Every structure is written in structure tokens, then in C-alpha cells.
Amino acid sequence: MKTFVFIITTLFNALSAGFFFAWSVSVILGTKKIGDFTYLDVMQKINREILNPLFYVVFFGSLITLVVTAIIHNDNKTVFWLITAAITIHFLGVFCITAFGNIPLNNTLDKLDILHTTTEELKNFRTNYETRWNNYHNIRTLSNMIAFILLLISIFIEKTF
């Protein structure tokens, strides 16, 4: 059971870190090359579509399984503290940044009527939104990668002792 939970935890965290990294090196780079109206239109559509059951399973599952993994590995203090550090980094840097940074920006964007907004307003909105959203995204990408690395280190320690 411990091994199965560790595998699921690793899978969810790998998927989450990979998702954020792939977004950083593909979607963000692509959207920097499109106009303001198209950017805002695309981001509205993406933000609506990402709210789906599979995304929720990975996003919430990565944090939940980290907690479960720490609890069931409390017999190895080094592994327990590595996973606890991963939980802390993941919770603050991924979950909280998303909840209190990216999501409020997405909600504001969702309310924007881009069809009835002037070119200048679109440009100003995009500049503010994109800069802040990407900064938050960079924090959660780096945090997720660090948490994942801590999880991998804990796996190696668990298997070598």
C-alpha cells in the first residue's frame, strides 16, 4: 500500500510539474506573439476549459497524496521531513499562488467583455493581466518542480535504507 501511494503521489506531482513547465515553454511563448484581442479571447477560453475533472484530479490529487504519503511514511524521519517540505512548498507555491494569484486574475478576465472594449483598454488589461499571471505562473512552476525533486529524493532514500 505504501508503495502504491508513493507511485500515485509521484505520478500526480510529475503530471502537475510537467503541465506547468510545458505551459511555460510553449503556451506562454506562443501567446506572446499574438495580438491583445486574440490573447484575451484565447485565455478566456483556456481558463474555462481547464476547469475539468481530470485537471482537478491532478491538481488537488498532487497535494492530497503528498499529505497521505507523509503520514504513511512517518517511520522514516528523513523521508517524512522531505515530503513535509515538499508539501509546504507545493501548498504555498502552487496551491496558494494559484488560488490567490492566478484564479482571481482569471476571474477578472472572465468578466471582461472583450467585444465591447477599446483597443487601448485591451492593451492595458492584457499588459497587467499577462505580466502578473506569468509571474505567478513562474512561481508555481518552480515551486512544483522543487516539490517534485524533494519527492524524488525521498523515494531514493526510502529505497536505499
N, C-alpha and C. Protein backbone atom coordinates (compact mmCIF):
# COMPACT_ATOMS: atom_id res chain seq x y z
N MET A 1 0.83 -1.20 0.00
CA MET A 1 0.00 0.00 0.00
C MET A 1 0.87 1.26 0.00
N LYS A 2 1.94 1.25 0.84
CA LYS A 2 2.82 2.41 0.90
C LYS A 2 3.44 2.69 -0.46
N THR A 3 3.87 1.65 -1.14
CA THR A 3 4.49 1.82 -2.46
C THR A 3 3.49 2.34 -3.48
N PHE A 4 2.28 1.81 -3.46
CA PHE A 4 1.24 2.26 -4.39
C PHE A 4 0.94 3.75 -4.19
N VAL A 5 0.79 4.16 -2.95
CA VAL A 5 0.51 5.57 -2.67
C VAL A 5 1.69 6.45 -3.12
N PHE A 6 2.91 5.97 -2.89
CA PHE A 6 4.09 6.71 -3.32
C PHE A 6 4.11 6.86 -4.85
N ILE A 7 3.74 5.81 -5.54
CA ILE A 7 3.69 5.85 -7.02
C ILE A 7 2.64 6.85 -7.49
N ILE A 8 1.45 6.81 -6.91
CA ILE A 8 0.38 7.74 -7.30
C ILE A 8 0.79 9.18 -6.99
N THR A 9 1.39 9.39 -5.82
CA THR A 9 1.87 10.72 -5.44
C THR A 9 2.89 11.22 -6.44
N THR A 10 3.83 10.37 -6.80
CA THR A 10 4.87 10.74 -7.76
C THR A 10 4.25 11.04 -9.12
N LEU A 11 3.31 10.22 -9.55
CA LEU A 11 2.64 10.43 -10.83
C LEU A 11 1.91 11.77 -10.86
N PHE A 12 1.08 12.03 -9.86
CA PHE A 12 0.33 13.29 -9.82
C PHE A 12 1.26 14.50 -9.80
N ASN A 13 2.33 14.41 -9.02
CA ASN A 13 3.25 15.54 -8.93
C ASN A 13 4.07 15.70 -10.20
N ALA A 14 4.39 14.60 -10.85
CA ALA A 14 5.09 14.69 -12.14
C ALA A 14 4.18 15.31 -13.20
N LEU A 15 2.93 14.89 -13.22
CA LEU A 15 1.97 15.46 -14.18
C LEU A 15 1.77 16.96 -13.93
N SER A 16 1.64 17.33 -12.67
CA SER A 16 1.44 18.73 -12.32
C SER A 16 2.66 19.57 -12.70
N ALA A 17 3.84 19.14 -12.31
CA ALA A 17 5.07 19.88 -12.64
C ALA A 17 5.26 19.93 -14.15
N GLY A 18 4.99 18.83 -14.82
CA GLY A 18 5.12 18.78 -16.27
C GLY A 18 4.15 19.70 -16.97
N PHE A 19 2.93 19.75 -16.47
CA PHE A 19 1.92 20.63 -17.04
C PHE A 19 2.36 22.09 -16.96
N PHE A 20 2.78 22.51 -15.76
CA PHE A 20 3.19 23.90 -15.59
C PHE A 20 4.43 24.23 -16.41
N PHE A 21 5.39 23.29 -16.44
CA PHE A 21 6.60 23.51 -17.23
C PHE A 21 6.27 23.60 -18.72
N ALA A 22 5.45 22.66 -19.21
CA ALA A 22 5.09 22.67 -20.63
C ALA A 22 4.35 23.95 -21.00
N TRP A 23 3.50 24.42 -20.11
CA TRP A 23 2.78 25.68 -20.35
C TRP A 23 3.80 26.82 -20.51
N SER A 24 4.82 26.82 -19.63
CA SER A 24 5.83 27.88 -19.64
C SER A 24 6.64 27.91 -20.93
N VAL A 25 6.95 26.73 -21.45
CA VAL A 25 7.85 26.67 -22.61
C VAL A 25 7.10 26.52 -23.93
N SER A 26 5.78 26.61 -23.88
CA SER A 26 5.03 26.51 -25.14
C SER A 26 3.91 27.55 -25.22
N VAL A 27 2.92 27.43 -24.38
CA VAL A 27 1.76 28.32 -24.45
C VAL A 27 2.16 29.77 -24.22
N ILE A 28 2.92 30.03 -23.18
CA ILE A 28 3.31 31.42 -22.88
C ILE A 28 4.13 32.00 -24.04
N LEU A 29 5.04 31.22 -24.57
CA LEU A 29 5.85 31.70 -25.69
C LEU A 29 4.98 31.99 -26.92
N GLY A 30 4.02 31.13 -27.16
CA GLY A 30 3.13 31.33 -28.30
C GLY A 30 2.21 32.52 -28.13
N THR A 31 1.67 32.69 -26.94
CA THR A 31 0.73 33.79 -26.73
C THR A 31 1.41 35.16 -26.73
N LYS A 32 2.71 35.19 -26.52
CA LYS A 32 3.43 36.46 -26.60
C LYS A 32 3.48 37.00 -28.03
N LYS A 33 3.17 36.14 -28.99
CA LYS A 33 3.27 36.52 -30.40
C LYS A 33 1.92 36.89 -31.03
N ILE A 34 0.87 36.92 -30.23
CA ILE A 34 -0.44 37.24 -30.79
C ILE A 34 -0.95 38.57 -30.25
N GLY A 35 -1.91 39.15 -30.96
CA GLY A 35 -2.46 40.44 -30.58
C GLY A 35 -3.26 40.39 -29.29
N ASP A 36 -3.55 41.56 -28.78
CA ASP A 36 -4.23 41.69 -27.49
C ASP A 36 -5.61 41.04 -27.47
N PHE A 37 -6.44 41.32 -28.48
CA PHE A 37 -7.78 40.75 -28.51
C PHE A 37 -7.70 39.22 -28.56
N THR A 38 -6.86 38.70 -29.44
CA THR A 38 -6.73 37.25 -29.59
C THR A 38 -6.20 36.62 -28.31
N TYR A 39 -5.21 37.25 -27.71
CA TYR A 39 -4.65 36.74 -26.45
C TYR A 39 -5.74 36.62 -25.39
N LEU A 40 -6.48 37.71 -25.18
CA LEU A 40 -7.51 37.71 -24.14
C LEU A 40 -8.63 36.73 -24.46
N ASP A 41 -8.99 36.62 -25.71
CA ASP A 41 -10.02 35.67 -26.13
C ASP A 41 -9.56 34.23 -25.88
N VAL A 42 -8.34 33.94 -26.26
CA VAL A 42 -7.79 32.59 -26.07
C VAL A 42 -7.68 32.26 -24.58
N MET A 43 -7.19 33.20 -23.79
CA MET A 43 -7.04 32.94 -22.36
C MET A 43 -8.40 32.75 -21.68
N GLN A 44 -9.40 33.50 -22.11
CA GLN A 44 -10.75 33.27 -21.56
C GLN A 44 -11.19 31.84 -21.86
N LYS A 45 -10.99 31.41 -23.07
CA LYS A 45 -11.41 30.06 -23.47
C LYS A 45 -10.62 28.97 -22.73
N ILE A 46 -9.31 29.15 -22.64
CA ILE A 46 -8.49 28.17 -21.92
C ILE A 46 -8.89 28.10 -20.46
N ASN A 47 -9.07 29.27 -19.83
CA ASN A 47 -9.43 29.29 -18.40
C ASN A 47 -10.77 28.61 -18.13
N ARG A 48 -11.65 28.66 -19.09
CA ARG A 48 -12.94 27.97 -18.92
C ARG A 48 -12.79 26.47 -19.13
N GLU A 49 -11.99 26.07 -20.08
CA GLU A 49 -11.85 24.65 -20.41
C GLU A 49 -10.99 23.88 -19.41
N ILE A 50 -10.08 24.57 -18.76
CA ILE A 50 -9.18 23.88 -17.84
C ILE A 50 -9.92 23.40 -16.59
N LEU A 51 -11.06 23.99 -16.31
CA LEU A 51 -11.85 23.59 -15.15
C LEU A 51 -12.62 22.32 -15.49
N ASN A 52 -11.89 21.20 -15.49
CA ASN A 52 -12.49 19.91 -15.84
C ASN A 52 -12.05 18.85 -14.84
N PRO A 53 -12.77 17.74 -14.77
CA PRO A 53 -12.48 16.73 -13.74
C PRO A 53 -11.05 16.19 -13.76
N LEU A 54 -10.49 15.96 -14.93
CA LEU A 54 -9.14 15.41 -14.98
C LEU A 54 -8.11 16.39 -14.42
N PHE A 55 -8.27 17.66 -14.77
CA PHE A 55 -7.36 18.67 -14.20
C PHE A 55 -7.51 18.72 -12.68
N TYR A 56 -8.74 18.70 -12.19
CA TYR A 56 -8.97 18.75 -10.74
C TYR A 56 -8.33 17.55 -10.03
N VAL A 57 -8.45 16.37 -10.62
CA VAL A 57 -7.86 15.17 -10.01
C VAL A 57 -6.36 15.35 -9.84
N VAL A 58 -5.68 15.84 -10.87
CA VAL A 58 -4.23 16.01 -10.79
C VAL A 58 -3.87 17.18 -9.88
N PHE A 59 -4.56 18.30 -10.04
CA PHE A 59 -4.21 19.50 -9.26
C PHE A 59 -4.41 19.26 -7.76
N PHE A 60 -5.58 18.80 -7.37
CA PHE A 60 -5.85 18.55 -5.95
C PHE A 60 -5.20 17.25 -5.49
N GLY A 61 -5.17 16.26 -6.37
CA GLY A 61 -4.59 14.96 -6.02
C GLY A 61 -3.11 15.04 -5.69
N SER A 62 -2.39 15.93 -6.37
CA SER A 62 -0.95 16.03 -6.09
C SER A 62 -0.70 16.49 -4.65
N LEU A 63 -1.50 17.42 -4.17
CA LEU A 63 -1.33 17.90 -2.79
C LEU A 63 -1.87 16.88 -1.78
N ILE A 64 -3.04 16.35 -2.05
CA ILE A 64 -3.64 15.38 -1.12
C ILE A 64 -2.77 14.14 -0.96
N THR A 65 -2.27 13.61 -2.07
CA THR A 65 -1.44 12.40 -1.98
C THR A 65 -0.09 12.68 -1.32
N LEU A 66 0.41 13.90 -1.46
CA LEU A 66 1.63 14.26 -0.72
C LEU A 66 1.39 14.14 0.78
N VAL A 67 0.27 14.65 1.25
CA VAL A 67 -0.06 14.59 2.68
C VAL A 67 -0.20 13.14 3.13
N VAL A 68 -0.94 12.35 2.35
CA VAL A 68 -1.12 10.93 2.70
C VAL A 68 0.23 10.21 2.72
N THR A 69 1.07 10.50 1.74
CA THR A 69 2.39 9.87 1.68
C THR A 69 3.24 10.23 2.90
N ALA A 70 3.20 11.48 3.31
CA ALA A 70 3.95 11.88 4.51
C ALA A 70 3.45 11.13 5.74
N ILE A 71 2.15 11.02 5.86
CA ILE A 71 1.57 10.35 7.02
C ILE A 71 1.98 8.88 7.08
N ILE A 72 1.92 8.19 5.96
CA ILE A 72 2.23 6.75 5.98
C ILE A 72 3.74 6.47 5.96
N HIS A 73 4.54 7.51 5.76
CA HIS A 73 5.99 7.32 5.80
C HIS A 73 6.62 8.02 7.01
N ASN A 74 5.85 8.14 8.08
CA ASN A 74 6.37 8.81 9.27
C ASN A 74 7.36 7.94 10.04
N ASP A 75 7.54 6.69 9.62
CA ASP A 75 8.51 5.81 10.27
C ASP A 75 9.95 6.13 9.84
N ASN A 76 10.11 6.81 8.73
CA ASN A 76 11.43 7.23 8.26
C ASN A 76 11.46 8.76 8.34
N LYS A 77 12.12 9.28 9.36
CA LYS A 77 12.06 10.72 9.63
C LYS A 77 12.64 11.56 8.49
N THR A 78 13.68 11.08 7.84
CA THR A 78 14.26 11.84 6.73
C THR A 78 13.26 11.95 5.59
N VAL A 79 12.65 10.84 5.24
CA VAL A 79 11.65 10.84 4.17
C VAL A 79 10.45 11.69 4.58
N PHE A 80 10.01 11.52 5.81
CA PHE A 80 8.87 12.30 6.31
C PHE A 80 9.14 13.79 6.17
N TRP A 81 10.32 14.25 6.58
CA TRP A 81 10.61 15.69 6.53
C TRP A 81 10.83 16.19 5.11
N LEU A 82 11.38 15.36 4.25
CA LEU A 82 11.49 15.75 2.84
C LEU A 82 10.11 15.92 2.22
N ILE A 83 9.23 14.98 2.49
CA ILE A 83 7.87 15.06 1.95
C ILE A 83 7.12 16.23 2.59
N THR A 84 7.34 16.46 3.87
CA THR A 84 6.71 17.60 4.53
C THR A 84 7.19 18.92 3.91
N ALA A 85 8.47 19.00 3.58
CA ALA A 85 8.99 20.18 2.89
C ALA A 85 8.34 20.32 1.51
N ALA A 86 8.18 19.19 0.81
CA ALA A 86 7.52 19.21 -0.50
C ALA A 86 6.07 19.68 -0.36
N ILE A 87 5.38 19.22 0.68
CA ILE A 87 4.00 19.65 0.94
C ILE A 87 3.95 21.16 1.14
N THR A 88 4.83 21.67 1.98
CA THR A 88 4.85 23.10 2.29
C THR A 88 5.10 23.93 1.03
N ILE A 89 6.09 23.55 0.27
CA ILE A 89 6.43 24.27 -0.96
C ILE A 89 5.28 24.17 -1.97
N HIS A 90 4.73 22.98 -2.10
CA HIS A 90 3.63 22.77 -3.04
C HIS A 90 2.39 23.56 -2.61
N PHE A 91 2.08 23.50 -1.33
CA PHE A 91 0.90 24.21 -0.85
C PHE A 91 1.03 25.72 -1.04
N LEU A 92 2.15 26.27 -0.61
CA LEU A 92 2.34 27.73 -0.70
C LEU A 92 2.60 28.18 -2.15
N GLY A 93 3.51 27.48 -2.83
CA GLY A 93 3.96 27.92 -4.14
C GLY A 93 3.10 27.51 -5.31
N VAL A 94 2.31 26.46 -5.15
CA VAL A 94 1.44 26.01 -6.24
C VAL A 94 -0.02 26.29 -5.90
N PHE A 95 -0.48 25.70 -4.82
CA PHE A 95 -1.90 25.81 -4.46
C PHE A 95 -2.30 27.24 -4.11
N CYS A 96 -1.56 27.87 -3.18
CA CYS A 96 -1.93 29.23 -2.75
C CYS A 96 -1.70 30.25 -3.85
N ILE A 97 -0.61 30.13 -4.58
CA ILE A 97 -0.36 31.07 -5.69
C ILE A 97 -1.48 30.95 -6.73
N THR A 98 -1.88 29.73 -7.03
CA THR A 98 -2.98 29.55 -7.98
C THR A 98 -4.28 30.13 -7.43
N ALA A 99 -4.59 29.78 -6.18
CA ALA A 99 -5.86 30.21 -5.58
C ALA A 99 -5.94 31.72 -5.37
N PHE A 100 -4.84 32.33 -4.96
CA PHE A 100 -4.89 33.75 -4.60
C PHE A 100 -4.21 34.66 -5.62
N GLY A 101 -3.60 34.07 -6.64
CA GLY A 101 -2.95 34.85 -7.69
C GLY A 101 -3.59 34.64 -9.05
N ASN A 102 -3.38 33.46 -9.61
CA ASN A 102 -3.86 33.18 -10.97
C ASN A 102 -5.38 33.16 -11.08
N ILE A 103 -6.06 32.51 -10.15
CA ILE A 103 -7.52 32.40 -10.26
C ILE A 103 -8.22 33.76 -10.17
N PRO A 104 -7.86 34.63 -9.23
CA PRO A 104 -8.51 35.95 -9.24
C PRO A 104 -8.28 36.71 -10.55
N LEU A 105 -7.09 36.59 -11.11
CA LEU A 105 -6.84 37.22 -12.42
C LEU A 105 -7.72 36.60 -13.49
N ASN A 106 -7.84 35.28 -13.46
CA ASN A 106 -8.69 34.59 -14.44
C ASN A 106 -10.15 35.01 -14.28
N ASN A 107 -10.60 35.16 -13.05
CA ASN A 107 -11.98 35.59 -12.81
C ASN A 107 -12.23 37.00 -13.33
N THR A 108 -11.25 37.87 -13.15
CA THR A 108 -11.36 39.23 -13.67
C THR A 108 -11.40 39.20 -15.19
N LEU A 109 -10.54 38.40 -15.79
CA LEU A 109 -10.54 38.26 -17.25
C LEU A 109 -11.86 37.70 -17.75
N ASP A 110 -12.43 36.75 -17.04
CA ASP A 110 -13.68 36.14 -17.47
C ASP A 110 -14.82 37.16 -17.55
N LYS A 111 -14.76 38.16 -16.69
CA LYS A 111 -15.81 39.19 -16.67
C LYS A 111 -15.61 40.27 -17.74
N LEU A 112 -14.42 40.29 -18.34
CA LEU A 112 -14.12 41.31 -19.35
C LEU A 112 -14.88 41.02 -20.64
N ASP A 113 -15.64 41.97 -21.09
CA ASP A 113 -16.36 41.86 -22.37
C ASP A 113 -15.43 42.37 -23.46
N ILE A 114 -14.63 41.46 -24.01
CA ILE A 114 -13.60 41.88 -24.96
C ILE A 114 -14.18 42.41 -26.26
N LEU A 115 -15.41 42.04 -26.56
CA LEU A 115 -16.04 42.54 -27.79
C LEU A 115 -16.42 44.01 -27.69
N HIS A 116 -16.61 44.50 -26.49
CA HIS A 116 -17.03 45.89 -26.28
C HIS A 116 -16.00 46.67 -25.48
N THR A 117 -14.73 46.39 -25.74
CA THR A 117 -13.63 47.05 -25.06
C THR A 117 -12.74 47.71 -26.11
N THR A 118 -12.30 48.92 -25.83
CA THR A 118 -11.48 49.63 -26.81
C THR A 118 -10.11 48.97 -26.96
N THR A 119 -9.46 49.27 -28.05
CA THR A 119 -8.13 48.73 -28.32
C THR A 119 -7.16 49.10 -27.19
N GLU A 120 -7.23 50.33 -26.75
CA GLU A 120 -6.36 50.80 -25.67
C GLU A 120 -6.66 50.07 -24.36
N GLU A 121 -7.93 49.86 -24.05
CA GLU A 121 -8.31 49.13 -22.84
C GLU A 121 -7.85 47.67 -22.92
N LEU A 122 -7.97 47.07 -24.09
CA LEU A 122 -7.50 45.70 -24.28
C LEU A 122 -6.00 45.61 -24.02
N LYS A 123 -5.26 46.55 -24.58
CA LYS A 123 -3.81 46.57 -24.42
C LYS A 123 -3.43 46.72 -22.94
N ASN A 124 -4.06 47.66 -22.27
CA ASN A 124 -3.76 47.89 -20.84
C ASN A 124 -4.14 46.69 -19.99
N PHE A 125 -5.31 46.11 -20.26
CA PHE A 125 -5.74 44.94 -19.50
C PHE A 125 -4.76 43.79 -19.70
N ARG A 126 -4.43 43.55 -20.97
CA ARG A 126 -3.52 42.44 -21.28
C ARG A 126 -2.18 42.63 -20.59
N THR A 127 -1.62 43.82 -20.70
CA THR A 127 -0.31 44.07 -20.10
C THR A 127 -0.32 43.76 -18.61
N ASN A 128 -1.32 44.24 -17.89
CA ASN A 128 -1.44 43.99 -16.46
C ASN A 128 -1.68 42.51 -16.18
N TYR A 129 -2.65 41.93 -16.87
CA TYR A 129 -3.01 40.52 -16.66
C TYR A 129 -1.84 39.60 -16.98
N GLU A 130 -1.30 39.74 -18.17
CA GLU A 130 -0.27 38.82 -18.64
C GLU A 130 0.99 38.87 -17.76
N THR A 131 1.41 40.07 -17.41
CA THR A 131 2.60 40.22 -16.58
C THR A 131 2.40 39.56 -15.22
N ARG A 132 1.31 39.88 -14.56
CA ARG A 132 1.04 39.32 -13.24
C ARG A 132 0.80 37.82 -13.31
N TRP A 133 0.00 37.37 -14.30
CA TRP A 133 -0.32 35.95 -14.43
C TRP A 133 0.94 35.14 -14.67
N ASN A 134 1.80 35.61 -15.57
CA ASN A 134 3.03 34.88 -15.87
C ASN A 134 3.98 34.86 -14.68
N ASN A 135 4.05 35.95 -13.93
CA ASN A 135 4.88 35.96 -12.72
C ASN A 135 4.39 34.92 -11.71
N TYR A 136 3.09 34.89 -11.48
CA TYR A 136 2.53 33.86 -10.59
C TYR A 136 2.79 32.46 -11.14
N HIS A 137 2.63 32.32 -12.43
CA HIS A 137 2.85 31.01 -13.05
C HIS A 137 4.31 30.56 -12.87
N ASN A 138 5.25 31.47 -13.01
CA ASN A 138 6.66 31.11 -12.81
C ASN A 138 6.91 30.63 -11.39
N ILE A 139 6.28 31.27 -10.42
CA ILE A 139 6.43 30.85 -9.03
C ILE A 139 5.89 29.44 -8.84
N ARG A 140 4.70 29.17 -9.37
CA ARG A 140 4.13 27.84 -9.16
C ARG A 140 4.87 26.77 -9.95
N THR A 141 5.41 27.12 -11.11
CA THR A 141 6.19 26.15 -11.87
C THR A 141 7.45 25.76 -11.11
N LEU A 142 8.19 26.75 -10.65
CA LEU A 142 9.41 26.49 -9.89
C LEU A 142 9.10 25.75 -8.59
N SER A 143 8.06 26.16 -7.89
CA SER A 143 7.67 25.50 -6.64
C SER A 143 7.31 24.04 -6.88
N ASN A 144 6.54 23.79 -7.92
CA ASN A 144 6.13 22.42 -8.23
C ASN A 144 7.34 21.56 -8.58
N MET A 145 8.28 22.13 -9.32
CA MET A 145 9.48 21.38 -9.67
C MET A 145 10.32 21.07 -8.43
N ILE A 146 10.46 22.02 -7.53
CA ILE A 146 11.22 21.79 -6.29
C ILE A 146 10.54 20.73 -5.44
N ALA A 147 9.23 20.82 -5.29
CA ALA A 147 8.49 19.81 -4.52
C ALA A 147 8.65 18.43 -5.15
N PHE A 148 8.61 18.37 -6.46
CA PHE A 148 8.78 17.09 -7.15
C PHE A 148 10.18 16.53 -6.93
N ILE A 149 11.20 17.38 -6.99
CA ILE A 149 12.58 16.93 -6.74
C ILE A 149 12.71 16.40 -5.32
N LEU A 150 12.11 17.09 -4.35
CA LEU A 150 12.15 16.59 -2.97
C LEU A 150 11.46 15.23 -2.86
N LEU A 151 10.39 15.07 -3.58
CA LEU A 151 9.69 13.78 -3.59
C LEU A 151 10.58 12.69 -4.19
N LEU A 152 11.25 13.00 -5.29
CA LEU A 152 12.16 12.02 -5.91
C LEU A 152 13.30 11.65 -4.97
N ILE A 153 13.87 12.65 -4.30
CA ILE A 153 14.94 12.37 -3.34
C ILE A 153 14.43 11.45 -2.23
N SER A 154 13.23 11.71 -1.76
CA SER A 154 12.66 10.87 -0.69
C SER A 154 12.44 9.44 -1.17
N ILE A 155 12.10 9.27 -2.42
CA ILE A 155 11.93 7.91 -2.97
C ILE A 155 13.26 7.17 -2.93
N PHE A 156 14.33 7.83 -3.36
CA PHE A 156 15.65 7.19 -3.36
C PHE A 156 16.09 6.86 -1.94
N ILE A 157 15.84 7.73 -1.00
CA ILE A 157 16.21 7.48 0.39
C ILE A 157 15.39 6.30 0.93
N GLU A 158 14.10 6.30 0.65
CA GLU A 158 13.21 5.23 1.12
C GLU A 158 13.67 3.87 0.59
N LYS A 159 14.16 3.83 -0.63
CA LYS A 159 14.55 2.57 -1.24
C LYS A 159 15.96 2.15 -0.91
N THR A 160 16.79 3.08 -0.40
CA THR A 160 18.17 2.73 -0.12
C THR A 160 18.43 2.41 1.35
N PHE A 161 17.50 2.72 2.25
CA PHE A 161 17.70 2.43 3.66
C PHE A 161 16.82 1.31 4.14
